[in-house]
Amino acid sequence: MDISVELTLTPLKDDYEPIIKDFIKSLRKSEFKIIETPLSTQVYGDFKELMSFLNDNIYNTFLNSESIIMNIKIVKSDRSNYVPNF
């Protein structure tokens, strides 16, 4: 089953950029389709494989930061080719 996941990582500290950059770099090393925007990162792939991958990466990111928020949206389908029709 394909899913679309939107992630927004928010470290609660002044020096937040390195944490976000490291997380995005870890996502880029995967075989999943990644789309980066200024406000979030979108990842597309098979549910079980992608969720396992994200679980490991989010866990490692949380281990390396004291205060951090991860907002996650999951859609059941691959929405990577979405084009507005209005």
N, C-alpha and C. Protein backbone atom coordinates (compact mmCIF):
# COMPACT_ATOMS: atom_id res chain seq x y z
N MET A 1 0.85 -1.17 0.00
CA MET A 1 0.00 0.00 0.00
C MET A 1 0.90 1.24 0.00
N ASP A 2 0.67 2.12 -0.96
CA ASP A 2 1.44 3.36 -1.04
C ASP A 2 0.87 4.43 -0.13
N ILE A 3 1.78 5.23 0.43
CA ILE A 3 1.37 6.36 1.27
C ILE A 3 2.18 7.60 0.90
N SER A 4 1.63 8.74 1.30
CA SER A 4 2.30 10.03 1.20
C SER A 4 2.43 10.56 2.61
N VAL A 5 3.63 11.00 2.97
CA VAL A 5 3.87 11.49 4.33
C VAL A 5 4.46 12.90 4.24
N GLU A 6 3.90 13.81 5.02
CA GLU A 6 4.45 15.16 5.12
C GLU A 6 5.01 15.34 6.52
N LEU A 7 6.27 15.76 6.60
CA LEU A 7 6.97 15.91 7.87
C LEU A 7 7.39 17.36 8.07
N THR A 8 7.16 17.85 9.27
CA THR A 8 7.67 19.16 9.66
C THR A 8 8.40 19.00 10.99
N LEU A 9 9.70 19.19 10.96
CA LEU A 9 10.55 19.05 12.14
C LEU A 9 10.78 20.43 12.74
N THR A 10 10.52 20.57 14.04
CA THR A 10 10.67 21.85 14.71
C THR A 10 11.49 21.69 15.98
N PRO A 11 12.80 21.89 15.90
CA PRO A 11 13.61 21.87 17.12
C PRO A 11 13.32 23.13 17.94
N LEU A 12 13.21 22.98 19.24
CA LEU A 12 12.89 24.09 20.12
C LEU A 12 14.16 24.65 20.75
N LYS A 13 15.01 25.16 19.88
CA LYS A 13 16.25 25.77 20.35
C LYS A 13 16.73 26.77 19.32
N ASP A 14 17.62 27.67 19.71
CA ASP A 14 18.09 28.71 18.80
C ASP A 14 18.88 28.15 17.62
N ASP A 15 19.69 27.16 17.86
CA ASP A 15 20.53 26.58 16.81
C ASP A 15 19.81 25.39 16.16
N TYR A 16 18.73 25.67 15.45
CA TYR A 16 17.85 24.62 14.92
C TYR A 16 18.26 24.10 13.54
N GLU A 17 18.96 24.90 12.75
CA GLU A 17 19.24 24.52 11.37
C GLU A 17 20.04 23.21 11.22
N PRO A 18 21.09 22.98 12.00
CA PRO A 18 21.83 21.72 11.83
C PRO A 18 20.98 20.47 12.04
N ILE A 19 20.07 20.52 12.99
CA ILE A 19 19.21 19.37 13.27
C ILE A 19 18.30 19.10 12.08
N ILE A 20 17.70 20.14 11.52
CA ILE A 20 16.81 19.98 10.37
C ILE A 20 17.59 19.49 9.17
N LYS A 21 18.74 20.07 8.91
CA LYS A 21 19.56 19.66 7.76
C LYS A 21 20.00 18.21 7.88
N ASP A 22 20.41 17.79 9.07
CA ASP A 22 20.82 16.39 9.26
C ASP A 22 19.66 15.44 9.02
N PHE A 23 18.47 15.82 9.48
CA PHE A 23 17.30 14.96 9.27
C PHE A 23 16.97 14.84 7.79
N ILE A 24 16.98 15.95 7.07
CA ILE A 24 16.69 15.92 5.63
C ILE A 24 17.75 15.12 4.88
N LYS A 25 19.00 15.26 5.26
CA LYS A 25 20.07 14.48 4.62
C LYS A 25 19.86 12.98 4.84
N SER A 26 19.38 12.61 6.02
CA SER A 26 19.12 11.18 6.28
C SER A 26 17.98 10.67 5.40
N LEU A 27 16.97 11.52 5.14
CA LEU A 27 15.87 11.14 4.25
C LEU A 27 16.36 11.00 2.82
N ARG A 28 17.23 11.88 2.40
CA ARG A 28 17.76 11.85 1.02
C ARG A 28 18.52 10.57 0.72
N LYS A 29 19.07 9.93 1.72
CA LYS A 29 19.85 8.70 1.52
C LYS A 29 18.98 7.48 1.24
N SER A 30 17.68 7.64 1.32
CA SER A 30 16.76 6.51 1.13
C SER A 30 16.43 6.33 -0.34
N GLU A 31 15.70 5.24 -0.62
CA GLU A 31 15.24 4.97 -1.98
C GLU A 31 13.86 5.57 -2.24
N PHE A 32 13.31 6.26 -1.23
CA PHE A 32 11.96 6.82 -1.35
C PHE A 32 11.98 8.13 -2.13
N LYS A 33 10.85 8.45 -2.73
CA LYS A 33 10.72 9.73 -3.42
C LYS A 33 10.57 10.82 -2.37
N ILE A 34 11.40 11.86 -2.47
CA ILE A 34 11.42 12.95 -1.50
C ILE A 34 11.15 14.26 -2.25
N ILE A 35 10.25 15.07 -1.71
CA ILE A 35 10.02 16.41 -2.22
C ILE A 35 10.18 17.37 -1.05
N GLU A 36 11.12 18.31 -1.19
CA GLU A 36 11.39 19.28 -0.13
C GLU A 36 10.74 20.61 -0.48
N THR A 37 10.11 21.22 0.52
CA THR A 37 9.54 22.55 0.36
C THR A 37 10.11 23.41 1.48
N PRO A 38 9.91 24.71 1.43
CA PRO A 38 10.43 25.56 2.51
C PRO A 38 9.82 25.26 3.89
N LEU A 39 8.63 24.66 3.92
CA LEU A 39 7.95 24.45 5.19
C LEU A 39 7.88 23.00 5.64
N SER A 40 8.10 22.06 4.73
CA SER A 40 8.00 20.65 5.10
C SER A 40 8.74 19.79 4.09
N THR A 41 8.83 18.51 4.42
CA THR A 41 9.41 17.53 3.51
C THR A 41 8.38 16.44 3.31
N GLN A 42 8.18 16.06 2.06
CA GLN A 42 7.22 15.02 1.72
C GLN A 42 7.97 13.77 1.26
N VAL A 43 7.50 12.62 1.73
CA VAL A 43 8.13 11.34 1.41
C VAL A 43 7.04 10.40 0.93
N TYR A 44 7.35 9.64 -0.13
CA TYR A 44 6.36 8.76 -0.76
C TYR A 44 6.93 7.35 -0.88
N GLY A 45 6.10 6.35 -0.55
CA GLY A 45 6.56 4.98 -0.68
C GLY A 45 5.58 3.98 -0.09
N ASP A 46 6.03 2.74 -0.01
CA ASP A 46 5.24 1.65 0.57
C ASP A 46 5.09 1.86 2.08
N PHE A 47 3.89 1.64 2.59
CA PHE A 47 3.57 1.91 3.99
C PHE A 47 4.56 1.27 4.96
N LYS A 48 4.71 -0.05 4.90
CA LYS A 48 5.55 -0.74 5.89
C LYS A 48 7.01 -0.32 5.79
N GLU A 49 7.53 -0.23 4.58
CA GLU A 49 8.93 0.15 4.40
C GLU A 49 9.18 1.60 4.83
N LEU A 50 8.29 2.48 4.41
CA LEU A 50 8.47 3.90 4.72
C LEU A 50 8.31 4.18 6.20
N MET A 51 7.31 3.59 6.83
CA MET A 51 7.09 3.83 8.25
C MET A 51 8.24 3.27 9.09
N SER A 52 8.78 2.13 8.71
CA SER A 52 9.95 1.58 9.40
C SER A 52 11.15 2.51 9.27
N PHE A 53 11.37 2.99 8.06
CA PHE A 53 12.47 3.92 7.80
C PHE A 53 12.29 5.21 8.60
N LEU A 54 11.09 5.78 8.58
CA LEU A 54 10.84 7.01 9.32
C LEU A 54 10.96 6.80 10.82
N ASN A 55 10.49 5.68 11.30
CA ASN A 55 10.59 5.38 12.73
C ASN A 55 12.05 5.44 13.19
N ASP A 56 12.93 4.80 12.45
CA ASP A 56 14.35 4.80 12.79
C ASP A 56 14.95 6.21 12.72
N ASN A 57 14.63 6.94 11.68
CA ASN A 57 15.21 8.28 11.49
C ASN A 57 14.67 9.28 12.50
N ILE A 58 13.39 9.22 12.79
CA ILE A 58 12.82 10.13 13.78
C ILE A 58 13.39 9.79 15.17
N TYR A 59 13.49 8.53 15.48
CA TYR A 59 14.05 8.10 16.77
C TYR A 59 15.46 8.65 16.94
N ASN A 60 16.31 8.48 15.92
CA ASN A 60 17.69 8.96 16.00
C ASN A 60 17.74 10.48 16.14
N THR A 61 16.87 11.18 15.46
CA THR A 61 16.82 12.64 15.56
C THR A 61 16.40 13.05 16.97
N PHE A 62 15.42 12.37 17.53
CA PHE A 62 14.97 12.68 18.89
C PHE A 62 16.07 12.39 19.92
N LEU A 63 16.85 11.35 19.70
CA LEU A 63 17.94 11.03 20.62
C LEU A 63 18.97 12.16 20.69
N ASN A 64 19.15 12.87 19.59
CA ASN A 64 20.19 13.90 19.50
C ASN A 64 19.68 15.31 19.79
N SER A 65 18.49 15.44 20.31
CA SER A 65 17.95 16.76 20.63
C SER A 65 17.10 16.69 21.89
N GLU A 66 17.21 17.70 22.72
CA GLU A 66 16.47 17.69 23.97
C GLU A 66 15.00 18.06 23.80
N SER A 67 14.73 19.07 22.99
CA SER A 67 13.36 19.54 22.80
C SER A 67 13.08 19.67 21.31
N ILE A 68 12.12 18.88 20.85
CA ILE A 68 11.86 18.85 19.41
C ILE A 68 10.42 18.42 19.16
N ILE A 69 9.83 18.94 18.09
CA ILE A 69 8.48 18.56 17.69
C ILE A 69 8.55 18.00 16.27
N MET A 70 7.81 16.93 16.03
CA MET A 70 7.68 16.37 14.68
C MET A 70 6.20 16.30 14.35
N ASN A 71 5.77 17.08 13.36
CA ASN A 71 4.40 17.01 12.86
C ASN A 71 4.39 16.08 11.66
N ILE A 72 3.45 15.14 11.66
CA ILE A 72 3.38 14.14 10.59
C ILE A 72 1.96 14.07 10.06
N LYS A 73 1.83 14.11 8.74
CA LYS A 73 0.55 13.87 8.07
C LYS A 73 0.77 12.67 7.16
N ILE A 74 -0.19 11.74 7.19
CA ILE A 74 -0.09 10.53 6.36
C ILE A 74 -1.36 10.40 5.54
N VAL A 75 -1.18 10.22 4.24
CA VAL A 75 -2.31 10.02 3.33
C VAL A 75 -2.17 8.65 2.70
N LYS A 76 -3.26 7.90 2.66
CA LYS A 76 -3.23 6.57 2.06
C LYS A 76 -3.37 6.69 0.54
N SER A 77 -2.27 6.90 -0.12
CA SER A 77 -2.13 6.91 -1.58
C SER A 77 -0.86 7.70 -1.91
N ASP A 78 -0.37 7.51 -3.09
CA ASP A 78 0.80 8.25 -3.55
C ASP A 78 0.30 9.53 -4.21
N ARG A 79 0.51 10.65 -3.56
CA ARG A 79 0.04 11.94 -4.05
C ARG A 79 1.19 12.76 -4.67
N SER A 80 2.29 12.09 -4.98
CA SER A 80 3.47 12.81 -5.47
C SER A 80 3.28 13.46 -6.83
N ASN A 81 2.30 13.00 -7.59
CA ASN A 81 2.06 13.58 -8.91
C ASN A 81 0.87 14.54 -8.92
N TYR A 82 0.46 15.00 -7.75
CA TYR A 82 -0.69 15.88 -7.66
C TYR A 82 -0.45 17.18 -8.44
N VAL A 83 -1.45 17.54 -9.22
CA VAL A 83 -1.44 18.80 -9.96
C VAL A 83 -2.80 19.47 -9.74
N PRO A 84 -2.81 20.70 -9.24
CA PRO A 84 -4.09 21.40 -9.04
C PRO A 84 -4.84 21.53 -10.38
N ASN A 85 -6.15 21.38 -10.34
CA ASN A 85 -6.94 21.48 -11.58
C ASN A 85 -7.90 22.67 -11.53
N PHE A 86 -7.50 23.71 -10.85
CA PHE A 86 -8.35 24.91 -10.78
C PHE A 86 -7.54 26.14 -11.11
